[in-house]
Amino acid sequence: VQGRPEPTTYYGPERVLGTAIASIREAAGGRIATASLVGLGTGSLACHRQSGENWSFYEIDAAVVRIARDENLFPFLKGCGEAMPIVLGDARLTLSKAPRGQDMVLLDAFSSDAIPTHLLTKEAIGLYVSRLAPRGVIVLHISNRHLQLAHILARVASEYGLVAYFGGDPQSQSEPFEKRLRADARVVVLARDAAHLGRIVDQPNWLLTPPDMARAPWTDDFSNILEAMRDTHAPH
């Protein structure tokens, strides 16, 4: 197979995560000049970067970096992001040293049902906001089987005057995964102004998520997993 690799599963360009990145790029004038991506995985997100954009990965696990760089296993870093820096360590520490003025901070650090709560708290969101340019956007990939985190994040985002939109892929797929190699994702985007998010705010699978001010925001000292489990069965 020749040419640029095509991301699969959650990361296809037509999926909700890919359309969010594309919409943010359009709203920014056609270029996400600088971005910090927390969570390397197989390196799929590298293939959403365009020429001339400076993106960096932040990854806590050295084994993940080693596997993602093995082109016999995954072609994404070799084909799309060979020159992308990979910063090793906990993103709550390493991202604090990242340059300010980022156009996008993207969180993709979930592993099946392992939720990195310390990356979703008021203090964590504050760190991401501190790295952003005035029109910068925070993107959080929150796909998991048991917890709905959109309202949790909207409440935390309200502490910083951010708007929150929740997007999900349609779940009515006629073809099996083995044929399509696509998986449905759930994503939350946070911005100082909805205009910084571009066209996705007018699409039916993206919903403005107002904060529930009756809830306490998650912090480094407080989180409520049962609340997120309850939200899974409530209207979004």
C-alpha atoms as a PDB file:
ATOM      1  CA  VAL A   1       0.000   0.000   0.000  1.00  0.00           C
ATOM      2  CA  GLN A   2       1.422   3.345  -1.042  1.00  0.00           C
ATOM      3  CA  GLY A   3       0.675   6.911   0.022  1.00  0.00           C
ATOM      4  CA  ARG A   4      -0.511   8.593   3.182  1.00  0.00           C
ATOM      5  CA  PRO A   5      -2.162   6.252   5.729  1.00  0.00           C
ATOM      6  CA  GLU A   6      -5.871   6.712   6.431  1.00  0.00           C
ATOM      7  CA  PRO A   7      -6.888   6.735  10.107  1.00  0.00           C
ATOM      8  CA  THR A   8      -9.544   4.173  11.052  1.00  0.00           C
ATOM      9  CA  THR A   9     -11.811   3.365  14.042  1.00  0.00           C
ATOM     10  CA  TYR A  10     -12.646   6.635  15.883  1.00  0.00           C
ATOM     11  CA  TYR A  11     -10.224   8.649  13.778  1.00  0.00           C
ATOM     12  CA  GLY A  12     -11.623   8.533  10.247  1.00  0.00           C
ATOM     13  CA  PRO A  13     -11.745  12.025   8.714  1.00  0.00           C
ATOM     14  CA  GLU A  14     -15.527  11.842   8.336  1.00  0.00           C
ATOM     15  CA  ARG A  15     -16.087  10.817  11.964  1.00  0.00           C
ATOM     16  CA  VAL A  16     -17.012  13.300  14.681  1.00  0.00           C
ATOM     17  CA  LEU A  17     -13.425  13.769  15.900  1.00  0.00           C
ATOM     18  CA  GLY A  18     -12.102  14.339  12.385  1.00  0.00           C
ATOM     19  CA  THR A  19     -14.867  16.802  11.509  1.00  0.00           C
ATOM     20  CA  ALA A  20     -14.206  18.720  14.739  1.00  0.00           C
ATOM     21  CA  ILE A  21     -10.542  19.161  13.808  1.00  0.00           C
ATOM     22  CA  ALA A  22     -11.438  20.188  10.259  1.00  0.00           C
ATOM     23  CA  SER A  23     -14.041  22.686  11.479  1.00  0.00           C
ATOM     24  CA  ILE A  24     -11.630  24.258  13.971  1.00  0.00           C
ATOM     25  CA  ARG A  25      -9.072  24.588  11.177  1.00  0.00           C
ATOM     26  CA  GLU A  26     -11.589  26.349   8.928  1.00  0.00           C
ATOM     27  CA  ALA A  27     -12.619  28.720  11.707  1.00  0.00           C
ATOM     28  CA  ALA A  28      -8.949  29.534  12.332  1.00  0.00           C
ATOM     29  CA  GLY A  29      -8.454  30.616   8.726  1.00  0.00           C
ATOM     30  CA  GLY A  30      -7.403  27.275   7.273  1.00  0.00           C
ATOM     31  CA  ARG A  31      -4.549  26.372   9.605  1.00  0.00           C
ATOM     32  CA  ILE A  32      -4.116  24.898  13.090  1.00  0.00           C
ATOM     33  CA  ALA A  33      -0.633  26.329  13.388  1.00  0.00           C
ATOM     34  CA  THR A  34       0.208  24.842  16.804  1.00  0.00           C
ATOM     35  CA  ALA A  35      -1.427  22.011  18.714  1.00  0.00           C
ATOM     36  CA  SER A  36      -0.734  19.791  21.711  1.00  0.00           C
ATOM     37  CA  LEU A  37      -2.202  16.278  21.629  1.00  0.00           C
ATOM     38  CA  VAL A  38      -2.382  14.351  24.902  1.00  0.00           C
ATOM     39  CA  GLY A  39      -2.326  10.598  24.280  1.00  0.00           C
ATOM     40  CA  LEU A  40      -0.397   9.032  21.414  1.00  0.00           C
ATOM     41  CA  GLY A  41      -2.101   5.658  20.938  1.00  0.00           C
ATOM     42  CA  THR A  42      -1.133   4.293  17.531  1.00  0.00           C
ATOM     43  CA  GLY A  43      -0.420   7.790  16.209  1.00  0.00           C
ATOM     44  CA  SER A  44      -3.579   8.037  14.111  1.00  0.00           C
ATOM     45  CA  LEU A  45      -4.149  11.692  14.924  1.00  0.00           C
ATOM     46  CA  ALA A  46      -0.879  12.599  13.208  1.00  0.00           C
ATOM     47  CA  CYS A  47      -2.671  12.059   9.909  1.00  0.00           C
ATOM     48  CA  HIS A  48      -5.053  14.938  10.695  1.00  0.00           C
ATOM     49  CA  ARG A  49      -2.171  17.395  10.718  1.00  0.00           C
ATOM     50  CA  GLN A  50      -1.621  19.367   7.535  1.00  0.00           C
ATOM     51  CA  SER A  51       1.629  20.544   6.014  1.00  0.00           C
ATOM     52  CA  GLY A  52       3.142  23.489   7.853  1.00  0.00           C
ATOM     53  CA  GLU A  53       1.293  22.844  11.115  1.00  0.00           C
ATOM     54  CA  ASN A  54       3.353  22.282  14.263  1.00  0.00           C
ATOM     55  CA  TRP A  55       1.766  19.579  16.421  1.00  0.00           C
ATOM     56  CA  SER A  56       3.263  17.752  19.414  1.00  0.00           C
ATOM     57  CA  PHE A  57       2.201  14.566  21.203  1.00  0.00           C
ATOM     58  CA  TYR A  58       2.271  14.143  24.986  1.00  0.00           C
ATOM     59  CA  GLU A  59       2.372  10.506  26.124  1.00  0.00           C
ATOM     60  CA  ILE A  60       2.866   8.978  29.566  1.00  0.00           C
ATOM     61  CA  ASP A  61       3.851   5.430  28.526  1.00  0.00           C
ATOM     62  CA  ALA A  62       7.203   4.763  26.845  1.00  0.00           C
ATOM     63  CA  ALA A  63       5.926   1.382  25.592  1.00  0.00           C
ATOM     64  CA  VAL A  64       3.144   3.137  23.669  1.00  0.00           C
ATOM     65  CA  VAL A  65       5.725   5.370  21.978  1.00  0.00           C
ATOM     66  CA  ARG A  66       7.861   2.372  21.044  1.00  0.00           C
ATOM     67  CA  ILE A  67       4.910   0.476  19.555  1.00  0.00           C
ATOM     68  CA  ALA A  68       3.520   3.488  17.659  1.00  0.00           C
ATOM     69  CA  ARG A  69       6.922   4.095  16.089  1.00  0.00           C
ATOM     70  CA  ASP A  70       7.173   0.507  14.839  1.00  0.00           C
ATOM     71  CA  GLU A  71       6.112   0.893  11.215  1.00  0.00           C
ATOM     72  CA  ASN A  72       5.638  -2.873  10.939  1.00  0.00           C
ATOM     73  CA  LEU A  73       2.716  -2.457  13.345  1.00  0.00           C
ATOM     74  CA  PHE A  74       1.310   1.021  12.669  1.00  0.00           C
ATOM     75  CA  PRO A  75       2.103   3.312   9.713  1.00  0.00           C
ATOM     76  CA  PHE A  76       0.708   6.599  11.033  1.00  0.00           C
ATOM     77  CA  LEU A  77       3.780   8.236  12.563  1.00  0.00           C
ATOM     78  CA  LYS A  78       5.994   7.107   9.697  1.00  0.00           C
ATOM     79  CA  GLY A  79       3.514   8.227   7.035  1.00  0.00           C
ATOM     80  CA  CYS A  80       2.115  11.382   8.630  1.00  0.00           C
ATOM     81  CA  GLY A  81       4.050  12.484  11.689  1.00  0.00           C
ATOM     82  CA  GLU A  82       7.635  11.317  11.500  1.00  0.00           C
ATOM     83  CA  ALA A  83       8.918  14.742  12.560  1.00  0.00           C
ATOM     84  CA  MET A  84       6.278  15.346  15.255  1.00  0.00           C
ATOM     85  CA  PRO A  85       7.820  15.730  18.727  1.00  0.00           C
ATOM     86  CA  ILE A  86       6.674  13.239  21.370  1.00  0.00           C
ATOM     87  CA  VAL A  87       7.024  14.477  24.960  1.00  0.00           C
ATOM     88  CA  LEU A  88       7.168  11.627  27.482  1.00  0.00           C
ATOM     89  CA  GLY A  89       5.568  12.024  30.908  1.00  0.00           C
ATOM     90  CA  ASP A  90       2.300  12.868  32.660  1.00  0.00           C
ATOM     91  CA  ALA A  91       0.622  15.638  30.662  1.00  0.00           C
ATOM     92  CA  ARG A  92      -0.388  17.512  33.823  1.00  0.00           C
ATOM     93  CA  LEU A  93       3.337  18.113  34.307  1.00  0.00           C
ATOM     94  CA  THR A  94       4.768  18.184  30.789  1.00  0.00           C
ATOM     95  CA  LEU A  95       2.030  20.286  29.192  1.00  0.00           C
ATOM     96  CA  SER A  96       2.661  23.035  31.730  1.00  0.00           C
ATOM     97  CA  LYS A  97       5.972  23.571  29.936  1.00  0.00           C
ATOM     98  CA  ALA A  98       4.427  23.706  26.461  1.00  0.00           C
ATOM     99  CA  PRO A  99       4.447  27.042  24.617  1.00  0.00           C
ATOM    100  CA  ARG A 100       1.488  29.337  25.151  1.00  0.00           C
ATOM    101  CA  GLY A 101      -0.684  30.477  22.246  1.00  0.00           C
ATOM    102  CA  GLN A 102      -1.746  27.015  21.050  1.00  0.00           C
ATOM    103  CA  ASP A 103      -4.549  26.828  18.486  1.00  0.00           C
ATOM    104  CA  MET A 104      -5.734  23.469  19.809  1.00  0.00           C
ATOM    105  CA  VAL A 105      -5.246  21.248  22.847  1.00  0.00           C
ATOM    106  CA  LEU A 106      -6.643  17.771  22.178  1.00  0.00           C
ATOM    107  CA  LEU A 107      -7.163  15.140  24.871  1.00  0.00           C
ATOM    108  CA  ASP A 108      -7.251  11.522  23.667  1.00  0.00           C
ATOM    109  CA  ALA A 109      -5.950   9.753  26.746  1.00  0.00           C
ATOM    110  CA  PHE A 110      -8.758   7.301  27.540  1.00  0.00           C
ATOM    111  CA  SER A 111      -8.155   3.575  27.436  1.00  0.00           C
ATOM    112  CA  SER A 112     -11.386   1.613  27.116  1.00  0.00           C
ATOM    113  CA  ASP A 113     -12.969   2.189  30.553  1.00  0.00           C
ATOM    114  CA  ALA A 114      -9.937   3.760  32.250  1.00  0.00           C
ATOM    115  CA  ILE A 115     -10.897   7.406  32.762  1.00  0.00           C
ATOM    116  CA  PRO A 116      -7.973   9.724  33.624  1.00  0.00           C
ATOM    117  CA  THR A 117      -9.943  11.866  36.065  1.00  0.00           C
ATOM    118  CA  HIS A 118      -6.951  14.102  36.803  1.00  0.00           C
ATOM    119  CA  LEU A 119      -7.064  15.262  33.163  1.00  0.00           C
ATOM    120  CA  LEU A 120     -10.718  16.391  33.448  1.00  0.00           C
ATOM    121  CA  THR A 121     -10.711  18.499  36.609  1.00  0.00           C
ATOM    122  CA  LYS A 122     -11.002  22.253  37.054  1.00  0.00           C
ATOM    123  CA  GLU A 123      -7.245  22.476  37.561  1.00  0.00           C
ATOM    124  CA  ALA A 124      -6.555  20.423  34.429  1.00  0.00           C
ATOM    125  CA  ILE A 125      -8.903  22.474  32.244  1.00  0.00           C
ATOM    126  CA  GLY A 126      -7.272  25.591  33.642  1.00  0.00           C
ATOM    127  CA  LEU A 127      -3.896  24.269  32.488  1.00  0.00           C
ATOM    128  CA  TYR A 128      -5.216  23.700  28.960  1.00  0.00           C
ATOM    129  CA  VAL A 129      -6.779  27.160  28.875  1.00  0.00           C
ATOM    130  CA  SER A 130      -3.443  28.673  29.918  1.00  0.00           C
ATOM    131  CA  ARG A 131      -1.811  27.125  26.834  1.00  0.00           C
ATOM    132  CA  LEU A 132      -4.437  28.412  24.379  1.00  0.00           C
ATOM    133  CA  ALA A 133      -4.352  31.300  21.950  1.00  0.00           C
ATOM    134  CA  PRO A 134      -7.342  33.685  22.260  1.00  0.00           C
ATOM    135  CA  ARG A 135      -9.201  31.683  19.581  1.00  0.00           C
ATOM    136  CA  GLY A 136      -7.821  28.338  20.720  1.00  0.00           C
ATOM    137  CA  VAL A 137     -10.045  25.299  21.270  1.00  0.00           C
ATOM    138  CA  ILE A 138      -9.912  22.334  23.650  1.00  0.00           C
ATOM    139  CA  VAL A 139     -11.039  19.003  22.167  1.00  0.00           C
ATOM    140  CA  LEU A 140     -11.758  16.048  24.448  1.00  0.00           C
ATOM    141  CA  HIS A 141     -12.369  12.552  23.108  1.00  0.00           C
ATOM    142  CA  ILE A 142     -14.585  11.024  25.815  1.00  0.00           C
ATOM    143  CA  SER A 143     -15.676   7.727  24.222  1.00  0.00           C
ATOM    144  CA  ASN A 144     -16.133   4.992  26.822  1.00  0.00           C
ATOM    145  CA  ARG A 145     -18.725   2.384  27.688  1.00  0.00           C
ATOM    146  CA  HIS A 146     -20.086   3.522  31.038  1.00  0.00           C
ATOM    147  CA  LEU A 147     -19.653   7.257  31.707  1.00  0.00           C
ATOM    148  CA  GLN A 148     -21.229  10.294  30.033  1.00  0.00           C
ATOM    149  CA  LEU A 149     -18.843  13.155  30.709  1.00  0.00           C
ATOM    150  CA  ALA A 150     -20.301  15.959  28.588  1.00  0.00           C
ATOM    151  CA  HIS A 151     -22.247  17.633  31.415  1.00  0.00           C
ATOM    152  CA  ILE A 152     -19.333  17.157  33.795  1.00  0.00           C
ATOM    153  CA  LEU A 153     -17.015  18.959  31.397  1.00  0.00           C
ATOM    154  CA  ALA A 154     -19.564  21.697  30.650  1.00  0.00           C
ATOM    155  CA  ARG A 155     -19.749  22.463  34.371  1.00  0.00           C
ATOM    156  CA  VAL A 156     -15.956  22.625  34.690  1.00  0.00           C
ATOM    157  CA  ALA A 157     -15.676  24.711  31.505  1.00  0.00           C
ATOM    158  CA  SER A 158     -18.133  27.255  32.883  1.00  0.00           C
ATOM    159  CA  GLU A 159     -15.574  28.078  35.579  1.00  0.00           C
ATOM    160  CA  TYR A 160     -13.457  29.596  32.790  1.00  0.00           C
ATOM    161  CA  GLY A 161     -16.252  31.185  30.753  1.00  0.00           C
ATOM    162  CA  LEU A 162     -16.037  28.530  28.022  1.00  0.00           C
ATOM    163  CA  VAL A 163     -18.894  27.179  25.903  1.00  0.00           C
ATOM    164  CA  ALA A 164     -19.180  23.411  25.520  1.00  0.00           C
ATOM    165  CA  TYR A 165     -20.529  21.427  22.581  1.00  0.00           C
ATOM    166  CA  PHE A 166     -21.063  17.674  22.611  1.00  0.00           C
ATOM    167  CA  GLY A 167     -20.827  15.688  19.375  1.00  0.00           C
ATOM    168  CA  GLY A 168     -21.490  12.047  18.628  1.00  0.00           C
ATOM    169  CA  ASP A 169     -21.323   9.812  15.579  1.00  0.00           C
ATOM    170  CA  PRO A 170     -24.625   8.324  14.360  1.00  0.00           C
ATOM    171  CA  GLN A 171     -24.974   4.797  15.710  1.00  0.00           C
ATOM    172  CA  SER A 172     -27.102   3.366  12.893  1.00  0.00           C
ATOM    173  CA  GLN A 173     -24.475   1.615  10.769  1.00  0.00           C
ATOM    174  CA  SER A 174     -25.511  -1.090   8.325  1.00  0.00           C
ATOM    175  CA  GLU A 175     -22.031  -2.481   7.685  1.00  0.00           C
ATOM    176  CA  PRO A 176     -20.105  -4.483  10.307  1.00  0.00           C
ATOM    177  CA  PHE A 177     -17.000  -3.020  11.913  1.00  0.00           C
ATOM    178  CA  GLU A 178     -14.789  -5.593  10.191  1.00  0.00           C
ATOM    179  CA  LYS A 179     -15.783  -4.090   6.825  1.00  0.00           C
ATOM    180  CA  ARG A 180     -15.989  -0.386   7.645  1.00  0.00           C
ATOM    181  CA  LEU A 181     -13.173  -0.203  10.235  1.00  0.00           C
ATOM    182  CA  ARG A 182     -15.062   2.673  11.818  1.00  0.00           C
ATOM    183  CA  ALA A 183     -16.171   3.169  15.441  1.00  0.00           C
ATOM    184  CA  ASP A 184     -18.620   5.687  16.878  1.00  0.00           C
ATOM    185  CA  ALA A 185     -17.032   8.386  19.011  1.00  0.00           C
ATOM    186  CA  ARG A 186     -18.174  10.975  21.540  1.00  0.00           C
ATOM    187  CA  VAL A 187     -16.363  14.302  21.675  1.00  0.00           C
ATOM    188  CA  VAL A 188     -16.638  17.543  23.665  1.00  0.00           C
ATOM    189  CA  VAL A 189     -15.173  20.809  22.388  1.00  0.00           C
ATOM    190  CA  LEU A 190     -14.604  23.871  24.575  1.00  0.00           C
ATOM    191  CA  ALA A 191     -14.019  27.419  23.360  1.00  0.00           C
ATOM    192  CA  ARG A 192     -14.251  31.004  24.528  1.00  0.00           C
ATOM    193  CA  ASP A 193     -16.728  31.697  21.711  1.00  0.00           C
ATOM    194  CA  ALA A 194     -18.843  29.321  19.610  1.00  0.00           C
ATOM    195  CA  ALA A 195     -17.591  31.134  16.493  1.00  0.00           C
ATOM    196  CA  HIS A 196     -14.159  29.593  17.124  1.00  0.00           C
ATOM    197  CA  LEU A 197     -15.641  26.127  16.538  1.00  0.00           C
ATOM    198  CA  GLY A 198     -16.801  26.734  12.975  1.00  0.00           C
ATOM    199  CA  ARG A 199     -19.539  24.891  11.158  1.00  0.00           C
ATOM    200  CA  ILE A 200     -19.994  22.001  13.597  1.00  0.00           C
ATOM    201  CA  VAL A 201     -22.146  24.163  15.886  1.00  0.00           C
ATOM    202  CA  ASP A 202     -24.866  24.129  13.213  1.00  0.00           C
ATOM    203  CA  GLN A 203     -24.769  20.380  12.604  1.00  0.00           C
ATOM    204  CA  PRO A 204     -27.505  18.201  14.140  1.00  0.00           C
ATOM    205  CA  ASN A 205     -25.095  15.766  15.793  1.00  0.00           C
ATOM    206  CA  TRP A 206     -23.481  18.614  17.782  1.00  0.00           C
ATOM    207  CA  LEU A 207     -25.371  20.058  20.748  1.00  0.00           C
ATOM    208  CA  LEU A 208     -24.647  23.044  22.954  1.00  0.00           C
ATOM    209  CA  THR A 209     -24.270  21.611  26.458  1.00  0.00           C
ATOM    210  CA  PRO A 210     -25.163  24.149  29.162  1.00  0.00           C
ATOM    211  CA  PRO A 211     -23.552  23.732  32.572  1.00  0.00           C
ATOM    212  CA  ASP A 212     -25.607  22.293  35.404  1.00  0.00           C
ATOM    213  CA  MET A 213     -24.828  24.884  38.065  1.00  0.00           C
ATOM    214  CA  ALA A 214     -26.399  22.696  40.760  1.00  0.00           C
ATOM    215  CA  ARG A 215     -23.372  20.431  40.486  1.00  0.00           C
ATOM    216  CA  ALA A 216     -19.978  20.990  41.987  1.00  0.00           C
ATOM    217  CA  PRO A 217     -17.252  21.040  39.329  1.00  0.00           C
ATOM    218  CA  TRP A 218     -14.754  18.202  39.439  1.00  0.00           C
ATOM    219  CA  THR A 219     -11.471  19.222  41.022  1.00  0.00           C
ATOM    220  CA  ASP A 220      -8.263  17.484  41.991  1.00  0.00           C
ATOM    221  CA  ASP A 221      -9.895  16.892  45.393  1.00  0.00           C
ATOM    222  CA  PHE A 222     -13.424  15.972  44.251  1.00  0.00           C
ATOM    223  CA  SER A 223     -15.043  13.881  41.529  1.00  0.00           C
ATOM    224  CA  ASN A 224     -18.340  12.016  41.312  1.00  0.00           C
ATOM    225  CA  ILE A 225     -18.189   8.932  39.092  1.00  0.00           C
ATOM    226  CA  LEU A 226     -21.752   7.905  40.001  1.00  0.00           C
ATOM    227  CA  GLU A 227     -22.963  11.225  38.590  1.00  0.00           C
ATOM    228  CA  ALA A 228     -21.308  10.411  35.249  1.00  0.00           C
ATOM    229  CA  MET A 229     -22.807   6.895  35.286  1.00  0.00           C
ATOM    230  CA  ARG A 230     -26.269   8.358  35.855  1.00  0.00           C
ATOM    231  CA  ASP A 231     -25.813  10.774  32.945  1.00  0.00           C
ATOM    232  CA  THR A 232     -25.199   7.835  30.602  1.00  0.00           C
ATOM    233  CA  HIS A 233     -28.908   7.008  30.844  1.00  0.00           C
ATOM    234  CA  ALA A 234     -30.157  10.605  30.695  1.00  0.00           C
ATOM    235  CA  PRO A 235     -30.885  12.746  27.605  1.00  0.00           C
ATOM    236  CA  HIS A 236     -27.768  14.558  26.392  1.00  0.00           C
END
